[in-house]
Amino acid sequence: MLRNQDLNLLPIFDALVRERQLSRAAEALSMSQPAVSNALKRLRLSFKDDLFVRTRQGLVPTERALELHALIGPALNLVQRSFESELFDPLTSDRVINISMNTTMETLFLADFIKPLRQAAPQLRFRFFPDYLPEIPARLKDGRLNYAVEYIPLPEDKFDSV
């Protein structure tokens, strides 16, 4: 039953899938690492699955975790967006904009793009991701990426038509 579940664990689960490390997930959530570790234990009990396997490179989601994230990620994104429905004020917004692009595009694009934005929106933050990530379409679809600046077309079958 849903009311018996701690829905506060879902953003932590989402961060763990995205960051693949306890410390980075904790940082992204502004939480302590022990708190995220404790939440992971509770998530494992709730879903009756290990959810992640520890490796030298970090946490690797289990197949069940990936299936759950495919359902939970978009739902969390919708809930988050509903709270951000206020008018965008560039002078005070501290949103994080996630962009995927290749290093050539970064070099050509960023100098002309970021400087004027820093003046208009001084607190706006940008996170850049490499363009070779295989899950760019999925990241765009579930909201982990806001934009992908690409020089090759992305497969149309990975997106819903609007």
N, C-alpha and C. Protein backbone atom coordinates (compact mmCIF):
# COMPACT_ATOMS: atom_id res chain seq x y z
N MET A 1 0.84 -1.17 0.00
CA MET A 1 0.00 0.00 0.00
C MET A 1 0.89 1.25 0.00
N LEU A 2 0.54 2.23 -0.81
CA LEU A 2 1.37 3.41 -0.99
C LEU A 2 1.54 4.22 0.28
N ARG A 3 0.49 4.31 1.09
CA ARG A 3 0.62 5.16 2.29
C ARG A 3 1.57 4.57 3.32
N ASN A 4 1.92 3.31 3.17
CA ASN A 4 2.90 2.69 4.07
C ASN A 4 4.33 2.87 3.59
N GLN A 5 4.50 3.52 2.45
CA GLN A 5 5.84 3.72 1.88
C GLN A 5 6.34 5.13 2.18
N ASP A 6 7.63 5.26 2.37
CA ASP A 6 8.24 6.56 2.59
C ASP A 6 8.63 7.15 1.24
N LEU A 7 7.78 8.02 0.72
CA LEU A 7 8.02 8.61 -0.59
C LEU A 7 9.22 9.56 -0.59
N ASN A 8 9.67 9.98 0.59
CA ASN A 8 10.87 10.82 0.68
C ASN A 8 12.13 10.08 0.24
N LEU A 9 12.05 8.78 0.16
CA LEU A 9 13.20 7.99 -0.29
C LEU A 9 13.38 8.04 -1.81
N LEU A 10 12.32 8.37 -2.53
CA LEU A 10 12.38 8.33 -3.99
C LEU A 10 13.37 9.32 -4.59
N PRO A 11 13.44 10.58 -4.13
CA PRO A 11 14.48 11.46 -4.68
C PRO A 11 15.90 10.96 -4.37
N ILE A 12 16.06 10.28 -3.27
CA ILE A 12 17.37 9.72 -2.92
C ILE A 12 17.70 8.58 -3.88
N PHE A 13 16.72 7.73 -4.14
CA PHE A 13 16.90 6.66 -5.12
C PHE A 13 17.28 7.23 -6.48
N ASP A 14 16.57 8.27 -6.90
CA ASP A 14 16.84 8.93 -8.18
C ASP A 14 18.28 9.46 -8.22
N ALA A 15 18.70 10.11 -7.17
CA ALA A 15 20.07 10.66 -7.12
C ALA A 15 21.11 9.55 -7.15
N LEU A 16 20.84 8.45 -6.48
CA LEU A 16 21.78 7.33 -6.49
C LEU A 16 21.91 6.73 -7.89
N VAL A 17 20.81 6.61 -8.60
CA VAL A 17 20.86 6.08 -9.97
C VAL A 17 21.65 7.05 -10.85
N ARG A 18 21.39 8.35 -10.71
CA ARG A 18 22.05 9.35 -11.56
C ARG A 18 23.54 9.48 -11.24
N GLU A 19 23.86 9.57 -9.96
CA GLU A 19 25.24 9.87 -9.54
C GLU A 19 26.12 8.63 -9.43
N ARG A 20 25.53 7.50 -9.09
CA ARG A 20 26.24 6.21 -8.99
C ARG A 20 27.32 6.19 -7.91
N GLN A 21 27.24 7.13 -6.99
CA GLN A 21 28.15 7.15 -5.83
C GLN A 21 27.40 7.77 -4.66
N LEU A 22 27.57 7.18 -3.47
CA LEU A 22 26.90 7.71 -2.28
C LEU A 22 27.30 9.16 -2.02
N SER A 23 28.59 9.44 -2.09
CA SER A 23 29.06 10.79 -1.74
C SER A 23 28.53 11.83 -2.72
N ARG A 24 28.53 11.52 -4.01
CA ARG A 24 28.01 12.48 -5.00
C ARG A 24 26.50 12.65 -4.88
N ALA A 25 25.79 11.56 -4.59
CA ALA A 25 24.35 11.67 -4.39
C ALA A 25 24.06 12.52 -3.15
N ALA A 26 24.83 12.29 -2.10
CA ALA A 26 24.65 13.09 -0.87
C ALA A 26 24.89 14.57 -1.15
N GLU A 27 25.93 14.86 -1.90
CA GLU A 27 26.24 16.25 -2.25
C GLU A 27 25.12 16.86 -3.09
N ALA A 28 24.63 16.13 -4.07
CA ALA A 28 23.56 16.63 -4.94
C ALA A 28 22.28 16.91 -4.15
N LEU A 29 22.06 16.14 -3.09
CA LEU A 29 20.85 16.27 -2.28
C LEU A 29 21.04 17.17 -1.07
N SER A 30 22.27 17.66 -0.87
CA SER A 30 22.60 18.44 0.34
C SER A 30 22.30 17.64 1.60
N MET A 31 22.73 16.38 1.57
CA MET A 31 22.55 15.49 2.71
C MET A 31 23.93 14.94 3.10
N SER A 32 23.99 14.33 4.27
CA SER A 32 25.23 13.67 4.67
C SER A 32 25.30 12.30 4.01
N GLN A 33 26.52 11.80 3.86
CA GLN A 33 26.69 10.48 3.27
C GLN A 33 26.06 9.40 4.14
N PRO A 34 26.20 9.45 5.48
CA PRO A 34 25.52 8.43 6.30
C PRO A 34 24.00 8.45 6.15
N ALA A 35 23.41 9.64 5.96
CA ALA A 35 21.96 9.72 5.78
C ALA A 35 21.54 9.05 4.47
N VAL A 36 22.33 9.24 3.42
CA VAL A 36 22.02 8.61 2.13
C VAL A 36 22.24 7.10 2.24
N SER A 37 23.26 6.69 2.94
CA SER A 37 23.51 5.26 3.15
C SER A 37 22.34 4.61 3.90
N ASN A 38 21.86 5.29 4.93
CA ASN A 38 20.71 4.79 5.68
C ASN A 38 19.47 4.72 4.79
N ALA A 39 19.27 5.73 3.96
CA ALA A 39 18.13 5.73 3.04
C ALA A 39 18.24 4.56 2.06
N LEU A 40 19.44 4.27 1.61
CA LEU A 40 19.64 3.14 0.69
C LEU A 40 19.24 1.83 1.37
N LYS A 41 19.59 1.67 2.63
CA LYS A 41 19.18 0.46 3.36
C LYS A 41 17.66 0.35 3.40
N ARG A 42 16.99 1.47 3.65
CA ARG A 42 15.53 1.48 3.70
C ARG A 42 14.92 1.22 2.33
N LEU A 43 15.54 1.76 1.29
CA LEU A 43 15.07 1.49 -0.08
C LEU A 43 15.18 0.01 -0.40
N ARG A 44 16.30 -0.60 -0.01
CA ARG A 44 16.49 -2.03 -0.27
C ARG A 44 15.41 -2.86 0.41
N LEU A 45 15.06 -2.47 1.64
CA LEU A 45 13.98 -3.18 2.34
C LEU A 45 12.63 -2.96 1.67
N SER A 46 12.36 -1.73 1.28
CA SER A 46 11.07 -1.41 0.66
C SER A 46 10.87 -2.16 -0.65
N PHE A 47 11.92 -2.22 -1.47
CA PHE A 47 11.79 -2.84 -2.79
C PHE A 47 12.22 -4.31 -2.80
N LYS A 48 12.69 -4.80 -1.65
CA LYS A 48 13.11 -6.20 -1.54
C LYS A 48 14.11 -6.57 -2.64
N ASP A 49 15.10 -5.68 -2.81
CA ASP A 49 16.14 -5.88 -3.82
C ASP A 49 17.37 -5.12 -3.35
N ASP A 50 18.55 -5.58 -3.74
CA ASP A 50 19.79 -4.86 -3.40
C ASP A 50 19.84 -3.48 -4.07
N LEU A 51 19.21 -3.34 -5.20
CA LEU A 51 19.13 -2.11 -6.00
C LEU A 51 20.45 -1.67 -6.59
N PHE A 52 21.55 -1.78 -5.85
CA PHE A 52 22.86 -1.36 -6.33
C PHE A 52 23.91 -2.36 -5.87
N VAL A 53 24.92 -2.54 -6.72
CA VAL A 53 26.07 -3.38 -6.39
C VAL A 53 27.28 -2.46 -6.29
N ARG A 54 28.01 -2.58 -5.20
CA ARG A 54 29.20 -1.75 -5.02
C ARG A 54 30.36 -2.29 -5.87
N THR A 55 31.02 -1.39 -6.59
CA THR A 55 32.21 -1.73 -7.36
C THR A 55 33.27 -0.67 -7.08
N ARG A 56 34.45 -0.83 -7.62
CA ARG A 56 35.50 0.19 -7.46
C ARG A 56 35.09 1.52 -8.10
N GLN A 57 34.29 1.46 -9.15
CA GLN A 57 33.87 2.68 -9.84
C GLN A 57 32.67 3.34 -9.18
N GLY A 58 32.04 2.67 -8.23
CA GLY A 58 30.88 3.24 -7.55
C GLY A 58 29.75 2.23 -7.49
N LEU A 59 28.54 2.74 -7.48
CA LEU A 59 27.35 1.89 -7.40
C LEU A 59 26.83 1.58 -8.79
N VAL A 60 26.57 0.31 -9.04
CA VAL A 60 25.99 -0.11 -10.32
C VAL A 60 24.56 -0.56 -10.03
N PRO A 61 23.57 0.09 -10.67
CA PRO A 61 22.17 -0.30 -10.41
C PRO A 61 21.89 -1.72 -10.90
N THR A 62 21.09 -2.43 -10.13
CA THR A 62 20.64 -3.75 -10.56
C THR A 62 19.61 -3.58 -11.68
N GLU A 63 19.26 -4.67 -12.30
CA GLU A 63 18.23 -4.62 -13.34
C GLU A 63 16.92 -4.09 -12.77
N ARG A 64 16.59 -4.52 -11.56
CA ARG A 64 15.36 -4.06 -10.90
C ARG A 64 15.42 -2.55 -10.64
N ALA A 65 16.58 -2.03 -10.23
CA ALA A 65 16.72 -0.60 -9.99
C ALA A 65 16.50 0.19 -11.28
N LEU A 66 17.04 -0.31 -12.38
CA LEU A 66 16.86 0.37 -13.66
C LEU A 66 15.39 0.36 -14.09
N GLU A 67 14.71 -0.76 -13.87
CA GLU A 67 13.28 -0.84 -14.18
C GLU A 67 12.49 0.15 -13.33
N LEU A 68 12.80 0.19 -12.04
CA LEU A 68 12.11 1.12 -11.14
C LEU A 68 12.38 2.57 -11.53
N HIS A 69 13.62 2.86 -11.87
CA HIS A 69 13.98 4.24 -12.21
C HIS A 69 13.28 4.70 -13.48
N ALA A 70 13.08 3.78 -14.41
CA ALA A 70 12.37 4.13 -15.64
C ALA A 70 10.95 4.60 -15.32
N LEU A 71 10.37 4.10 -14.23
CA LEU A 71 9.03 4.51 -13.82
C LEU A 71 9.07 5.71 -12.87
N ILE A 72 9.98 5.68 -11.93
CA ILE A 72 10.03 6.70 -10.88
C ILE A 72 10.63 8.01 -11.37
N GLY A 73 11.68 7.94 -12.20
CA GLY A 73 12.37 9.15 -12.66
C GLY A 73 11.44 10.16 -13.32
N PRO A 74 10.66 9.75 -14.33
CA PRO A 74 9.75 10.71 -14.97
C PRO A 74 8.68 11.24 -14.01
N ALA A 75 8.20 10.40 -13.10
CA ALA A 75 7.19 10.85 -12.14
C ALA A 75 7.78 11.91 -11.20
N LEU A 76 8.99 11.69 -10.73
CA LEU A 76 9.65 12.69 -9.87
C LEU A 76 9.88 13.99 -10.62
N ASN A 77 10.25 13.88 -11.89
CA ASN A 77 10.47 15.07 -12.69
C ASN A 77 9.19 15.90 -12.81
N LEU A 78 8.06 15.23 -13.02
CA LEU A 78 6.78 15.94 -13.10
C LEU A 78 6.42 16.61 -11.77
N VAL A 79 6.65 15.91 -10.68
CA VAL A 79 6.35 16.50 -9.37
C VAL A 79 7.25 17.70 -9.13
N GLN A 80 8.54 17.57 -9.43
CA GLN A 80 9.48 18.68 -9.26
C GLN A 80 9.06 19.88 -10.10
N ARG A 81 8.68 19.65 -11.34
CA ARG A 81 8.28 20.75 -12.22
C ARG A 81 7.02 21.44 -11.70
N SER A 82 6.14 20.71 -11.04
CA SER A 82 4.92 21.34 -10.52
C SER A 82 5.25 22.35 -9.42
N PHE A 83 6.32 22.12 -8.69
CA PHE A 83 6.74 23.06 -7.66
C PHE A 83 7.52 24.24 -8.24
N GLU A 84 8.00 24.10 -9.45
CA GLU A 84 8.76 25.16 -10.10
C GLU A 84 7.90 25.98 -11.05
N SER A 85 6.60 25.93 -10.86
CA SER A 85 5.70 26.60 -11.79
C SER A 85 5.66 28.12 -11.61
N GLU A 86 6.38 28.63 -10.62
CA GLU A 86 6.42 30.08 -10.46
C GLU A 86 7.17 30.72 -11.63
N LEU A 87 6.95 31.98 -11.81
CA LEU A 87 7.60 32.69 -12.90
C LEU A 87 9.11 32.67 -12.73
N PHE A 88 9.79 32.49 -13.82
CA PHE A 88 11.25 32.47 -13.83
C PHE A 88 11.77 33.89 -13.70
N ASP A 89 12.56 34.13 -12.68
CA ASP A 89 13.21 35.43 -12.50
C ASP A 89 14.71 35.21 -12.65
N PRO A 90 15.29 35.64 -13.78
CA PRO A 90 16.71 35.36 -14.02
C PRO A 90 17.64 35.98 -12.98
N LEU A 91 17.24 37.06 -12.35
CA LEU A 91 18.12 37.70 -11.36
C LEU A 91 18.23 36.89 -10.08
N THR A 92 17.22 36.09 -9.75
CA THR A 92 17.25 35.36 -8.49
C THR A 92 17.27 33.84 -8.65
N SER A 93 17.02 33.34 -9.84
CA SER A 93 16.93 31.89 -10.05
C SER A 93 18.29 31.22 -9.81
N ASP A 94 18.26 30.15 -9.05
CA ASP A 94 19.48 29.36 -8.83
C ASP A 94 19.31 27.95 -9.40
N ARG A 95 18.47 27.85 -10.41
CA ARG A 95 18.26 26.55 -11.06
C ARG A 95 19.56 26.02 -11.64
N VAL A 96 19.59 24.71 -11.82
CA VAL A 96 20.71 24.04 -12.47
C VAL A 96 20.22 23.60 -13.84
N ILE A 97 20.93 24.00 -14.87
CA ILE A 97 20.61 23.61 -16.24
C ILE A 97 21.63 22.56 -16.66
N ASN A 98 21.14 21.38 -17.01
CA ASN A 98 22.00 20.27 -17.42
C ASN A 98 22.05 20.18 -18.94
N ILE A 99 23.27 20.28 -19.48
CA ILE A 99 23.45 20.32 -20.94
C ILE A 99 24.49 19.29 -21.35
N SER A 100 24.18 18.54 -22.41
CA SER A 100 25.14 17.61 -22.99
C SER A 100 25.66 18.23 -24.29
N MET A 101 26.98 18.21 -24.45
CA MET A 101 27.57 18.68 -25.70
C MET A 101 29.00 18.17 -25.79
N ASN A 102 29.54 18.18 -27.01
CA ASN A 102 30.92 17.72 -27.17
C ASN A 102 31.88 18.87 -26.86
N THR A 103 33.15 18.54 -26.69
CA THR A 103 34.13 19.55 -26.27
C THR A 103 34.34 20.63 -27.31
N THR A 104 34.21 20.31 -28.58
CA THR A 104 34.33 21.33 -29.62
C THR A 104 33.21 22.36 -29.48
N MET A 105 32.00 21.86 -29.28
CA MET A 105 30.86 22.76 -29.10
C MET A 105 31.04 23.61 -27.84
N GLU A 106 31.55 23.00 -26.77
CA GLU A 106 31.81 23.76 -25.54
C GLU A 106 32.73 24.93 -25.83
N THR A 107 33.81 24.67 -26.54
CA THR A 107 34.79 25.71 -26.84
C THR A 107 34.18 26.83 -27.67
N LEU A 108 33.42 26.48 -28.69
CA LEU A 108 32.83 27.47 -29.58
C LEU A 108 31.64 28.19 -28.95
N PHE A 109 30.87 27.47 -28.18
CA PHE A 109 29.58 27.93 -27.73
C PHE A 109 29.63 28.66 -26.38
N LEU A 110 30.40 28.14 -25.47
CA LEU A 110 30.31 28.61 -24.10
C LEU A 110 30.76 30.04 -23.89
N ALA A 111 31.82 30.46 -24.50
CA ALA A 111 32.30 31.82 -24.28
C ALA A 111 31.23 32.84 -24.67
N ASP A 112 30.58 32.62 -25.79
CA ASP A 112 29.54 33.55 -26.24
C ASP A 112 28.22 33.36 -25.49
N PHE A 113 28.03 32.22 -24.92
CA PHE A 113 26.77 31.89 -24.26
C PHE A 113 26.76 32.24 -22.78
N ILE A 114 27.79 31.84 -22.07
CA ILE A 114 27.81 31.96 -20.62
C ILE A 114 28.01 33.40 -20.15
N LYS A 115 28.90 34.14 -20.77
CA LYS A 115 29.21 35.49 -20.31
C LYS A 115 27.97 36.39 -20.22
N PRO A 116 27.16 36.49 -21.29
CA PRO A 116 25.95 37.31 -21.17
C PRO A 116 24.94 36.75 -20.15
N LEU A 117 24.89 35.43 -20.04
CA LEU A 117 23.97 34.83 -19.07
C LEU A 117 24.38 35.14 -17.64
N ARG A 118 25.67 35.16 -17.37
CA ARG A 118 26.16 35.48 -16.03
C ARG A 118 25.71 36.87 -15.59
N GLN A 119 25.61 37.79 -16.54
CA GLN A 119 25.16 39.14 -16.21
C GLN A 119 23.65 39.16 -15.98
N ALA A 120 22.90 38.46 -16.82
CA ALA A 120 21.44 38.46 -16.71
C ALA A 120 20.92 37.54 -15.61
N ALA A 121 21.64 36.43 -15.37
CA ALA A 121 21.21 35.43 -14.39
C ALA A 121 22.41 34.98 -13.58
N PRO A 122 22.85 35.79 -12.64
CA PRO A 122 24.12 35.52 -11.94
C PRO A 122 24.13 34.25 -11.09
N GLN A 123 22.96 33.77 -10.65
CA GLN A 123 22.94 32.59 -9.79
C GLN A 123 22.59 31.29 -10.53
N LEU A 124 22.25 31.42 -11.80
CA LEU A 124 21.93 30.25 -12.61
C LEU A 124 23.18 29.39 -12.73
N ARG A 125 23.01 28.08 -12.58
CA ARG A 125 24.15 27.17 -12.63
C ARG A 125 24.01 26.22 -13.81
N PHE A 126 25.12 25.83 -14.37
CA PHE A 126 25.13 24.92 -15.52
C PHE A 126 25.99 23.71 -15.19
N ARG A 127 25.52 22.54 -15.60
CA ARG A 127 26.30 21.31 -15.51
C ARG A 127 26.39 20.77 -16.92
N PHE A 128 27.61 20.47 -17.34
CA PHE A 128 27.83 19.97 -18.69
C PHE A 128 28.22 18.50 -18.65
N PHE A 129 27.68 17.77 -19.59
CA PHE A 129 27.92 16.34 -19.68
C PHE A 129 28.44 16.03 -21.07
N PRO A 130 29.28 14.99 -21.19
CA PRO A 130 29.82 14.64 -22.51
C PRO A 130 28.71 14.15 -23.43
N ASP A 131 28.95 14.32 -24.71
CA ASP A 131 27.94 13.93 -25.71
C ASP A 131 28.00 12.46 -26.08
N TYR A 132 28.93 11.73 -25.54
CA TYR A 132 29.05 10.33 -25.91
C TYR A 132 28.31 9.39 -24.95
N LEU A 133 27.56 9.94 -24.01
CA LEU A 133 26.79 9.09 -23.11
C LEU A 133 25.71 8.36 -23.91
N PRO A 134 25.61 7.06 -23.77
CA PRO A 134 24.65 6.31 -24.59
C PRO A 134 23.19 6.61 -24.23
N GLU A 135 22.95 7.12 -23.04
CA GLU A 135 21.57 7.33 -22.62
C GLU A 135 21.10 8.78 -22.74
N ILE A 136 21.66 9.55 -23.66
CA ILE A 136 21.24 10.95 -23.83
C ILE A 136 19.75 11.05 -24.11
N PRO A 137 19.18 10.27 -25.03
CA PRO A 137 17.73 10.38 -25.25
C PRO A 137 16.92 10.10 -23.97
N ALA A 138 17.33 9.09 -23.21
CA ALA A 138 16.61 8.76 -21.97
C ALA A 138 16.76 9.88 -20.95
N ARG A 139 17.95 10.47 -20.86
CA ARG A 139 18.18 11.57 -19.93
C ARG A 139 17.35 12.80 -20.30
N LEU A 140 17.21 13.07 -21.58
CA LEU A 140 16.37 14.18 -22.02
C LEU A 140 14.91 13.91 -21.69
N LYS A 141 14.50 12.70 -21.92
CA LYS A 141 13.10 12.33 -21.73
C LYS A 141 12.69 12.38 -20.26
N ASP A 142 13.58 11.91 -19.37
CA ASP A 142 13.19 11.89 -17.95
C ASP A 142 13.62 13.14 -17.19
N GLY A 143 14.24 14.10 -17.88
CA GLY A 143 14.54 15.37 -17.23
C GLY A 143 15.91 15.49 -16.60
N ARG A 144 16.73 14.44 -16.68
CA ARG A 144 18.08 14.55 -16.12
C ARG A 144 18.94 15.48 -16.96
N LEU A 145 18.60 15.65 -18.23
CA LEU A 145 19.23 16.65 -19.10
C LEU A 145 18.15 17.62 -19.56
N ASN A 146 18.49 18.90 -19.57
CA ASN A 146 17.56 19.89 -20.09
C ASN A 146 17.76 20.09 -21.59
N TYR A 147 19.02 20.03 -22.03
CA TYR A 147 19.35 20.27 -23.43
C TYR A 147 20.48 19.35 -23.86
N ALA A 148 20.47 19.01 -25.14
CA ALA A 148 21.59 18.28 -25.74
C ALA A 148 21.94 19.02 -27.03
N VAL A 149 23.14 19.58 -27.08
CA VAL A 149 23.61 20.28 -28.27
C VAL A 149 24.39 19.24 -29.06
N GLU A 150 23.82 18.82 -30.17
CA GLU A 150 24.40 17.71 -30.93
C GLU A 150 24.66 18.11 -32.37
N TYR A 151 25.64 17.51 -32.96
CA TYR A 151 25.91 17.73 -34.37
C TYR A 151 25.48 16.53 -35.20
N ILE A 152 25.02 15.48 -34.53
CA ILE A 152 24.44 14.34 -35.24
C ILE A 152 23.01 14.18 -34.74
N PRO A 153 22.10 13.73 -35.58
CA PRO A 153 20.70 13.60 -35.13
C PRO A 153 20.54 12.48 -34.11
N LEU A 154 19.67 12.71 -33.15
CA LEU A 154 19.32 11.68 -32.18
C LEU A 154 18.18 10.85 -32.76
N PRO A 155 18.09 9.59 -32.42
CA PRO A 155 17.05 8.72 -32.99
C PRO A 155 15.65 9.21 -32.59
N GLU A 156 14.82 9.45 -33.58
CA GLU A 156 13.48 9.99 -33.33
C GLU A 156 12.59 9.02 -32.56
N ASP A 157 12.86 7.72 -32.69
CA ASP A 157 12.00 6.75 -32.00
C ASP A 157 12.20 6.78 -30.49
N LYS A 158 13.18 7.54 -29.99
CA LYS A 158 13.44 7.63 -28.56
C LYS A 158 12.64 8.76 -27.90
N PHE A 159 11.89 9.55 -28.69
CA PHE A 159 11.17 10.70 -28.16
C PHE A 159 9.69 10.61 -28.51
N ASP A 160 8.87 11.16 -27.63
CA ASP A 160 7.44 11.25 -27.92
C ASP A 160 7.22 12.45 -28.82
N SER A 161 6.28 12.36 -29.73
CA SER A 161 5.97 13.51 -30.58
C SER A 161 5.10 14.47 -29.80
N VAL A 162 5.27 15.76 -30.05
CA VAL A 162 4.53 16.78 -29.33
C VAL A 162 3.54 17.42 -30.25
